[in-house]
Structures are given as structure tokens and as C-alpha cells.
Amino acid sequence: SMVALAFILLCSSGVQSPAVQSCPSFARIADVPGKGRGVVATEDLKQHTVVGDYVGEHLTEKEKDRRYLASYQHERTKEDIAWLESREERGQTATGDYLFGVTGVDVFIDAEDEERSNWTRFLNHDSDPNLRVKSLPSAIDGNP
């Protein structure tokens, strides 16, 4: 059996973001009781099927810390402040709930911004998981 990694999403509008629009044909994004919105399979998938890449902004640990940890706010750069203002202006949250640390490198994928992520940000935690995360050196398309 497989293990699951998931993220809880609480959408702020009914407009379909690029993240929602990227959902593949074998799944749909639906209201999930107690979770907000999440991914629901629309067909059976074979065990060990790679379902998608976790897509988002790539941050170093220092960038992640400055942007999301209160104890590092005093170290924020002009770029960090512009990033936060951009999120606020576009109605995107900045909670840090959609961060994924890539194994073996100083990269964190931040999929919180629905305009810069994909459907995998809607995967939700479950007590009986059916997916697992595997950190790979390259994406499905072969790019790093």
C-alpha cells in the first residue's frame, strides 16, 4: 500500500486559478468535508503510478525563513517585501502551509500561490493515505 502526503486548501474565491485548471483527467478538485477543497480520483490508478510534480516557487531555506518565520522578519529584503505585497494584492495567502523541502538540496517548493503552482497543492492529508511523496532529482518532463 502507498502512503499519502497532502495539503489542506481553503480557497478564497470561485474563480478557477491556474492551479485548478491544471487538474488532470484522472482527478477532480472537489469540496472535501473537514478539509476545504481537495483532489479526488475519478478513475482507478495502478500502484506506483507517478501522478504529478509538486510545482511552485523555488526558495532557499534562508528565503523561506525570511518570508514565513516571524523570528526572521527583521532580515526581510526588498524582494521579500515586494513578494508579500504581490501576494496580498492578488488575494493569495502567505501562511507557509504549502512548503515542501526537496531532499538533498537547499530548495523548498512553495505551492501556496495558486497562480504559480498546480493541482498537486490540493492533495490533502488523510488518516488512511493512498499516495506517498517521493523526492526525485528531476520532474516528470525531465527538467530539474
N, C-alpha and C. Protein backbone atom coordinates (compact mmCIF):
# COMPACT_ATOMS: atom_id res chain seq x y z
N SER A 1 0.84 -1.18 0.00
CA SER A 1 0.00 0.00 0.00
C SER A 1 0.87 1.23 0.00
N MET A 2 0.32 2.35 -0.40
CA MET A 2 1.08 3.59 -0.54
C MET A 2 0.77 4.52 0.63
N VAL A 3 1.62 5.51 0.81
CA VAL A 3 1.48 6.48 1.88
C VAL A 3 1.12 7.82 1.26
N ALA A 4 0.43 8.70 1.96
CA ALA A 4 -0.02 9.96 1.36
C ALA A 4 0.65 11.18 1.94
N LEU A 5 0.91 12.14 1.09
CA LEU A 5 1.24 13.49 1.53
C LEU A 5 0.17 14.37 0.94
N ALA A 6 -0.29 15.29 1.71
CA ALA A 6 -1.34 16.13 1.21
C ALA A 6 -1.30 17.47 1.89
N PHE A 7 -1.98 18.41 1.28
CA PHE A 7 -2.03 19.75 1.81
C PHE A 7 -3.47 20.20 1.83
N ILE A 8 -3.86 20.89 2.88
CA ILE A 8 -5.23 21.37 3.02
C ILE A 8 -5.35 22.73 2.36
N LEU A 9 -6.37 22.91 1.55
CA LEU A 9 -6.58 24.16 0.85
C LEU A 9 -7.91 24.76 1.25
N LEU A 10 -7.91 26.02 1.55
CA LEU A 10 -9.14 26.75 1.76
C LEU A 10 -9.15 27.87 0.73
N CYS A 11 -9.89 27.71 -0.34
CA CYS A 11 -9.91 28.68 -1.42
C CYS A 11 -10.70 29.91 -1.02
N SER A 12 -10.27 31.05 -1.57
CA SER A 12 -10.92 32.29 -1.21
C SER A 12 -11.91 32.77 -2.27
N SER A 13 -11.93 32.15 -3.45
CA SER A 13 -12.87 32.60 -4.47
C SER A 13 -13.29 31.42 -5.34
N GLY A 14 -14.35 31.64 -6.12
CA GLY A 14 -14.84 30.61 -7.01
C GLY A 14 -14.17 30.63 -8.38
N VAL A 15 -13.29 31.58 -8.63
CA VAL A 15 -12.60 31.68 -9.91
C VAL A 15 -11.60 30.53 -10.03
N GLN A 16 -11.57 29.92 -11.22
CA GLN A 16 -10.65 28.81 -11.40
C GLN A 16 -9.24 29.34 -11.67
N SER A 17 -8.37 29.11 -10.73
CA SER A 17 -6.98 29.53 -10.84
C SER A 17 -6.23 28.59 -11.77
N PRO A 18 -5.02 28.99 -12.20
CA PRO A 18 -4.19 28.07 -12.99
C PRO A 18 -3.97 26.73 -12.27
N ALA A 19 -3.87 26.75 -10.95
CA ALA A 19 -3.69 25.51 -10.19
C ALA A 19 -4.90 24.59 -10.38
N VAL A 20 -6.09 25.13 -10.32
CA VAL A 20 -7.31 24.33 -10.51
C VAL A 20 -7.40 23.85 -11.95
N GLN A 21 -7.12 24.74 -12.89
CA GLN A 21 -7.22 24.40 -14.31
C GLN A 21 -6.24 23.30 -14.73
N SER A 22 -5.14 23.13 -13.98
CA SER A 22 -4.13 22.13 -14.35
C SER A 22 -4.49 20.71 -13.93
N CYS A 23 -5.61 20.52 -13.27
CA CYS A 23 -6.00 19.20 -12.79
C CYS A 23 -6.14 18.21 -13.95
N PRO A 24 -5.47 17.06 -13.86
CA PRO A 24 -5.52 16.08 -14.95
C PRO A 24 -6.86 15.36 -15.02
N SER A 25 -7.08 14.65 -16.12
CA SER A 25 -8.36 13.99 -16.36
C SER A 25 -8.66 12.86 -15.38
N PHE A 26 -7.63 12.30 -14.72
CA PHE A 26 -7.88 11.20 -13.78
C PHE A 26 -8.27 11.68 -12.39
N ALA A 27 -8.45 13.00 -12.24
CA ALA A 27 -8.80 13.55 -10.93
C ALA A 27 -9.69 14.77 -11.10
N ARG A 28 -10.28 15.19 -9.99
CA ARG A 28 -11.03 16.44 -9.99
C ARG A 28 -10.82 17.11 -8.64
N ILE A 29 -11.00 18.40 -8.60
CA ILE A 29 -10.89 19.15 -7.35
C ILE A 29 -12.30 19.38 -6.85
N ALA A 30 -12.53 18.94 -5.62
CA ALA A 30 -13.88 18.97 -5.07
C ALA A 30 -13.85 19.43 -3.62
N ASP A 31 -15.02 19.80 -3.11
CA ASP A 31 -15.15 20.10 -1.69
C ASP A 31 -14.98 18.79 -0.93
N VAL A 32 -14.13 18.81 0.09
CA VAL A 32 -13.87 17.62 0.90
C VAL A 32 -14.25 17.96 2.34
N PRO A 33 -15.22 17.24 2.91
CA PRO A 33 -15.67 17.53 4.28
C PRO A 33 -14.49 17.59 5.26
N GLY A 34 -14.42 18.68 5.99
CA GLY A 34 -13.39 18.85 7.00
C GLY A 34 -12.04 19.28 6.46
N LYS A 35 -11.90 19.43 5.15
CA LYS A 35 -10.60 19.77 4.55
C LYS A 35 -10.64 21.05 3.73
N GLY A 36 -11.80 21.45 3.26
CA GLY A 36 -11.87 22.56 2.30
C GLY A 36 -12.03 21.96 0.92
N ARG A 37 -11.05 22.17 0.06
CA ARG A 37 -11.08 21.56 -1.26
C ARG A 37 -9.91 20.61 -1.38
N GLY A 38 -10.10 19.56 -2.17
CA GLY A 38 -9.04 18.57 -2.32
C GLY A 38 -9.17 17.81 -3.62
N VAL A 39 -8.20 16.96 -3.87
CA VAL A 39 -8.17 16.15 -5.09
C VAL A 39 -8.89 14.83 -4.83
N VAL A 40 -9.76 14.48 -5.78
CA VAL A 40 -10.50 13.22 -5.73
C VAL A 40 -10.23 12.50 -7.04
N ALA A 41 -9.79 11.24 -6.96
CA ALA A 41 -9.55 10.46 -8.18
C ALA A 41 -10.86 10.17 -8.87
N THR A 42 -10.86 10.25 -10.20
CA THR A 42 -12.04 9.93 -10.99
C THR A 42 -11.92 8.57 -11.66
N GLU A 43 -10.77 7.93 -11.49
CA GLU A 43 -10.56 6.59 -12.03
C GLU A 43 -9.51 5.89 -11.18
N ASP A 44 -9.50 4.56 -11.25
CA ASP A 44 -8.50 3.79 -10.52
C ASP A 44 -7.14 3.96 -11.18
N LEU A 45 -6.11 4.10 -10.35
CA LEU A 45 -4.74 4.21 -10.84
C LEU A 45 -3.95 3.02 -10.32
N LYS A 46 -3.02 2.54 -11.13
CA LYS A 46 -2.18 1.43 -10.71
C LYS A 46 -1.24 1.87 -9.60
N GLN A 47 -0.95 0.95 -8.69
CA GLN A 47 0.00 1.23 -7.62
C GLN A 47 1.33 1.64 -8.24
N HIS A 48 2.01 2.60 -7.63
CA HIS A 48 3.31 3.16 -8.05
C HIS A 48 3.21 4.08 -9.26
N THR A 49 2.01 4.49 -9.63
CA THR A 49 1.85 5.47 -10.70
C THR A 49 2.31 6.83 -10.20
N VAL A 50 3.15 7.51 -10.97
CA VAL A 50 3.54 8.88 -10.64
C VAL A 50 2.40 9.77 -11.12
N VAL A 51 1.79 10.50 -10.20
CA VAL A 51 0.60 11.27 -10.56
C VAL A 51 0.90 12.72 -10.90
N GLY A 52 2.01 13.27 -10.44
CA GLY A 52 2.30 14.66 -10.76
C GLY A 52 3.47 15.22 -10.00
N ASP A 53 3.94 16.34 -10.49
CA ASP A 53 5.02 17.08 -9.83
C ASP A 53 4.43 18.14 -8.92
N TYR A 54 5.06 18.37 -7.79
CA TYR A 54 4.66 19.45 -6.90
C TYR A 54 5.33 20.71 -7.42
N VAL A 55 4.54 21.63 -7.93
CA VAL A 55 5.05 22.81 -8.64
C VAL A 55 4.81 24.06 -7.81
N GLY A 56 5.79 24.94 -7.81
CA GLY A 56 5.66 26.22 -7.13
C GLY A 56 6.95 27.00 -7.21
N GLU A 57 7.00 28.08 -6.46
CA GLU A 57 8.21 28.90 -6.42
C GLU A 57 9.31 28.13 -5.69
N HIS A 58 10.52 28.22 -6.21
CA HIS A 58 11.66 27.57 -5.55
C HIS A 58 12.33 28.58 -4.64
N LEU A 59 12.44 28.24 -3.36
CA LEU A 59 13.05 29.10 -2.36
C LEU A 59 14.21 28.39 -1.70
N THR A 60 15.21 29.16 -1.30
CA THR A 60 16.26 28.60 -0.45
C THR A 60 15.72 28.57 0.98
N GLU A 61 16.43 27.90 1.87
CA GLU A 61 15.98 27.88 3.26
C GLU A 61 15.97 29.29 3.85
N LYS A 62 16.97 30.10 3.51
CA LYS A 62 17.01 31.48 4.03
C LYS A 62 15.83 32.30 3.53
N GLU A 63 15.49 32.15 2.23
CA GLU A 63 14.33 32.87 1.69
C GLU A 63 13.06 32.42 2.39
N LYS A 64 12.90 31.11 2.54
CA LYS A 64 11.72 30.55 3.22
C LYS A 64 11.60 31.12 4.63
N ASP A 65 12.70 31.12 5.35
CA ASP A 65 12.68 31.60 6.73
C ASP A 65 12.31 33.08 6.81
N ARG A 66 12.92 33.90 5.94
CA ARG A 66 12.63 35.35 5.96
C ARG A 66 11.17 35.63 5.63
N ARG A 67 10.62 34.86 4.72
CA ARG A 67 9.25 35.11 4.28
C ARG A 67 8.19 34.57 5.22
N TYR A 68 8.49 33.48 5.91
CA TYR A 68 7.45 32.81 6.69
C TYR A 68 7.66 32.78 8.20
N LEU A 69 8.86 32.96 8.70
CA LEU A 69 9.08 32.86 10.13
C LEU A 69 9.17 34.25 10.76
N ALA A 70 8.35 34.48 11.77
CA ALA A 70 8.34 35.78 12.45
C ALA A 70 9.71 36.14 13.01
N SER A 71 10.46 35.15 13.45
CA SER A 71 11.77 35.42 14.04
C SER A 71 12.80 35.89 13.01
N TYR A 72 12.48 35.81 11.72
CA TYR A 72 13.40 36.27 10.66
C TYR A 72 12.86 37.49 9.91
N GLN A 73 11.72 38.02 10.32
CA GLN A 73 11.12 39.16 9.61
C GLN A 73 12.07 40.35 9.53
N HIS A 74 12.88 40.56 10.55
CA HIS A 74 13.80 41.70 10.55
C HIS A 74 14.88 41.57 9.48
N GLU A 75 15.04 40.39 8.88
CA GLU A 75 16.03 40.17 7.83
C GLU A 75 15.43 40.23 6.43
N ARG A 76 14.13 40.54 6.32
CA ARG A 76 13.49 40.58 5.01
C ARG A 76 14.15 41.61 4.10
N THR A 77 14.29 41.22 2.84
CA THR A 77 14.87 42.10 1.82
C THR A 77 13.74 42.84 1.10
N LYS A 78 14.12 43.78 0.24
CA LYS A 78 13.13 44.49 -0.57
C LYS A 78 12.37 43.50 -1.44
N GLU A 79 13.07 42.48 -1.94
CA GLU A 79 12.42 41.46 -2.77
C GLU A 79 11.38 40.68 -1.96
N ASP A 80 11.71 40.35 -0.71
CA ASP A 80 10.77 39.63 0.15
C ASP A 80 9.52 40.47 0.40
N ILE A 81 9.71 41.74 0.65
CA ILE A 81 8.58 42.64 0.92
C ILE A 81 7.72 42.78 -0.33
N ALA A 82 8.35 42.92 -1.50
CA ALA A 82 7.61 43.00 -2.77
C ALA A 82 6.85 41.71 -3.03
N TRP A 83 7.46 40.58 -2.70
CA TRP A 83 6.80 39.27 -2.85
C TRP A 83 5.53 39.21 -2.01
N LEU A 84 5.64 39.63 -0.74
CA LEU A 84 4.49 39.60 0.17
C LEU A 84 3.40 40.55 -0.31
N GLU A 85 3.78 41.75 -0.74
CA GLU A 85 2.81 42.72 -1.23
C GLU A 85 2.10 42.18 -2.47
N SER A 86 2.84 41.51 -3.35
CA SER A 86 2.24 40.91 -4.54
C SER A 86 1.20 39.86 -4.17
N ARG A 87 1.55 39.03 -3.21
CA ARG A 87 0.59 38.02 -2.75
C ARG A 87 -0.68 38.68 -2.23
N GLU A 88 -0.51 39.70 -1.40
CA GLU A 88 -1.67 40.38 -0.81
C GLU A 88 -2.52 41.05 -1.88
N GLU A 89 -1.89 41.73 -2.84
CA GLU A 89 -2.61 42.43 -3.90
C GLU A 89 -3.42 41.47 -4.76
N ARG A 90 -2.93 40.26 -4.94
CA ARG A 90 -3.59 39.28 -5.80
C ARG A 90 -4.51 38.35 -5.02
N GLY A 91 -4.68 38.59 -3.72
CA GLY A 91 -5.57 37.78 -2.90
C GLY A 91 -5.01 36.40 -2.58
N GLN A 92 -3.70 36.26 -2.66
CA GLN A 92 -3.05 34.99 -2.34
C GLN A 92 -2.57 35.03 -0.89
N THR A 93 -2.64 33.92 -0.22
CA THR A 93 -2.22 33.85 1.18
C THR A 93 -0.71 33.63 1.27
N ALA A 94 -0.18 33.81 2.46
CA ALA A 94 1.24 33.59 2.73
C ALA A 94 1.37 32.95 4.11
N THR A 95 0.91 31.71 4.22
CA THR A 95 0.90 31.00 5.50
C THR A 95 2.09 30.06 5.69
N GLY A 96 2.69 29.63 4.58
CA GLY A 96 3.75 28.63 4.65
C GLY A 96 3.23 27.21 4.73
N ASP A 97 1.92 27.03 4.55
CA ASP A 97 1.31 25.70 4.65
C ASP A 97 1.57 24.81 3.44
N TYR A 98 2.11 25.37 2.37
CA TYR A 98 2.29 24.61 1.13
C TYR A 98 3.76 24.45 0.76
N LEU A 99 4.63 24.45 1.75
CA LEU A 99 6.07 24.28 1.52
C LEU A 99 6.45 22.81 1.52
N PHE A 100 7.34 22.45 0.61
CA PHE A 100 7.87 21.09 0.56
C PHE A 100 9.38 21.18 0.38
N GLY A 101 10.13 20.64 1.34
CA GLY A 101 11.59 20.62 1.25
C GLY A 101 12.06 19.48 0.37
N VAL A 102 12.89 19.80 -0.63
CA VAL A 102 13.41 18.79 -1.55
C VAL A 102 14.61 18.13 -0.89
N THR A 103 14.62 16.82 -0.87
CA THR A 103 15.67 16.03 -0.22
C THR A 103 17.03 16.26 -0.89
N GLY A 104 18.04 16.56 -0.07
CA GLY A 104 19.41 16.61 -0.54
C GLY A 104 19.88 17.93 -1.14
N VAL A 105 19.00 18.92 -1.25
CA VAL A 105 19.38 20.22 -1.80
C VAL A 105 18.71 21.33 -0.99
N ASP A 106 19.23 22.54 -1.13
CA ASP A 106 18.68 23.69 -0.41
C ASP A 106 17.55 24.31 -1.23
N VAL A 107 16.48 23.54 -1.43
CA VAL A 107 15.33 24.01 -2.20
C VAL A 107 14.05 23.65 -1.46
N PHE A 108 13.20 24.64 -1.34
CA PHE A 108 11.85 24.45 -0.81
C PHE A 108 10.89 24.88 -1.90
N ILE A 109 9.91 24.03 -2.21
CA ILE A 109 8.91 24.37 -3.21
C ILE A 109 7.72 24.96 -2.47
N ASP A 110 7.36 26.18 -2.85
CA ASP A 110 6.26 26.90 -2.22
C ASP A 110 5.10 26.94 -3.21
N ALA A 111 4.10 26.10 -2.98
CA ALA A 111 2.96 25.98 -3.89
C ALA A 111 1.73 26.73 -3.39
N GLU A 112 1.92 27.65 -2.46
CA GLU A 112 0.76 28.35 -1.90
C GLU A 112 0.09 29.28 -2.91
N ASP A 113 0.86 29.93 -3.75
CA ASP A 113 0.33 30.87 -4.74
C ASP A 113 -0.32 30.08 -5.88
N GLU A 114 -1.63 30.15 -5.98
CA GLU A 114 -2.36 29.37 -6.99
C GLU A 114 -2.02 29.77 -8.42
N GLU A 115 -1.44 30.94 -8.60
CA GLU A 115 -1.05 31.38 -9.94
C GLU A 115 0.33 30.84 -10.34
N ARG A 116 1.06 30.28 -9.38
CA ARG A 116 2.41 29.78 -9.65
C ARG A 116 2.58 28.32 -9.22
N SER A 117 1.47 27.62 -9.09
CA SER A 117 1.53 26.23 -8.66
C SER A 117 0.64 25.39 -9.58
N ASN A 118 0.39 24.16 -9.20
CA ASN A 118 -0.51 23.32 -9.98
C ASN A 118 -1.46 22.56 -9.05
N TRP A 119 -2.17 21.62 -9.63
CA TRP A 119 -3.22 20.89 -8.92
C TRP A 119 -2.73 20.10 -7.72
N THR A 120 -1.45 19.73 -7.67
CA THR A 120 -0.96 18.91 -6.56
C THR A 120 -1.02 19.63 -5.23
N ARG A 121 -1.13 20.95 -5.25
CA ARG A 121 -1.25 21.71 -3.99
C ARG A 121 -2.57 21.38 -3.28
N PHE A 122 -3.53 20.78 -3.99
CA PHE A 122 -4.83 20.44 -3.42
C PHE A 122 -4.87 19.06 -2.78
N LEU A 123 -3.77 18.30 -2.84
CA LEU A 123 -3.74 16.99 -2.19
C LEU A 123 -3.86 17.18 -0.68
N ASN A 124 -4.67 16.39 -0.04
CA ASN A 124 -4.94 16.56 1.39
C ASN A 124 -4.41 15.38 2.21
N HIS A 125 -4.04 15.69 3.45
CA HIS A 125 -3.64 14.65 4.40
C HIS A 125 -4.84 13.74 4.67
N ASP A 126 -4.55 12.49 4.95
CA ASP A 126 -5.62 11.55 5.27
C ASP A 126 -5.10 10.54 6.28
N SER A 127 -5.99 10.06 7.15
CA SER A 127 -5.58 9.06 8.15
C SER A 127 -5.35 7.70 7.50
N ASP A 128 -5.90 7.50 6.31
CA ASP A 128 -5.71 6.26 5.56
C ASP A 128 -5.18 6.64 4.17
N PRO A 129 -3.91 7.02 4.08
CA PRO A 129 -3.38 7.58 2.83
C PRO A 129 -3.27 6.57 1.70
N ASN A 130 -3.36 7.10 0.48
CA ASN A 130 -3.22 6.25 -0.70
C ASN A 130 -2.17 6.81 -1.68
N LEU A 131 -1.45 7.83 -1.26
CA LEU A 131 -0.36 8.41 -2.04
C LEU A 131 0.85 8.57 -1.15
N ARG A 132 2.01 8.63 -1.75
CA ARG A 132 3.20 8.98 -1.00
C ARG A 132 4.01 9.95 -1.83
N VAL A 133 4.81 10.73 -1.16
CA VAL A 133 5.68 11.70 -1.83
C VAL A 133 7.05 11.07 -2.00
N LYS A 134 7.60 11.28 -3.15
CA LYS A 134 8.96 10.83 -3.41
C LYS A 134 9.71 12.00 -4.03
N SER A 135 10.78 12.41 -3.41
CA SER A 135 11.59 13.50 -3.91
C SER A 135 12.54 12.96 -4.98
N LEU A 136 12.37 13.42 -6.21
CA LEU A 136 13.15 12.94 -7.34
C LEU A 136 14.07 14.05 -7.86
N PRO A 137 15.20 13.69 -8.49
CA PRO A 137 16.15 14.70 -8.98
C PRO A 137 15.62 15.48 -10.18
N SER A 138 14.58 14.97 -10.84
CA SER A 138 14.01 15.71 -11.96
C SER A 138 12.50 15.49 -12.01
N ALA A 139 11.84 16.38 -12.71
CA ALA A 139 10.38 16.34 -12.83
C ALA A 139 9.97 15.27 -13.86
N ILE A 140 8.67 15.07 -13.98
CA ILE A 140 8.13 14.12 -14.94
C ILE A 140 8.64 14.41 -16.35
N ASP A 141 8.77 15.72 -16.68
CA ASP A 141 9.22 16.10 -18.02
C ASP A 141 10.74 16.04 -18.18
N GLY A 142 11.46 15.63 -17.12
CA GLY A 142 12.90 15.50 -17.17
C GLY A 142 13.66 16.73 -16.72
N ASN A 143 12.98 17.84 -16.50
CA ASN A 143 13.64 19.06 -16.03
C ASN A 143 13.87 18.99 -14.53
N PRO A 144 14.91 19.68 -14.05
CA PRO A 144 15.17 19.66 -12.60
C PRO A 144 14.06 20.31 -11.79
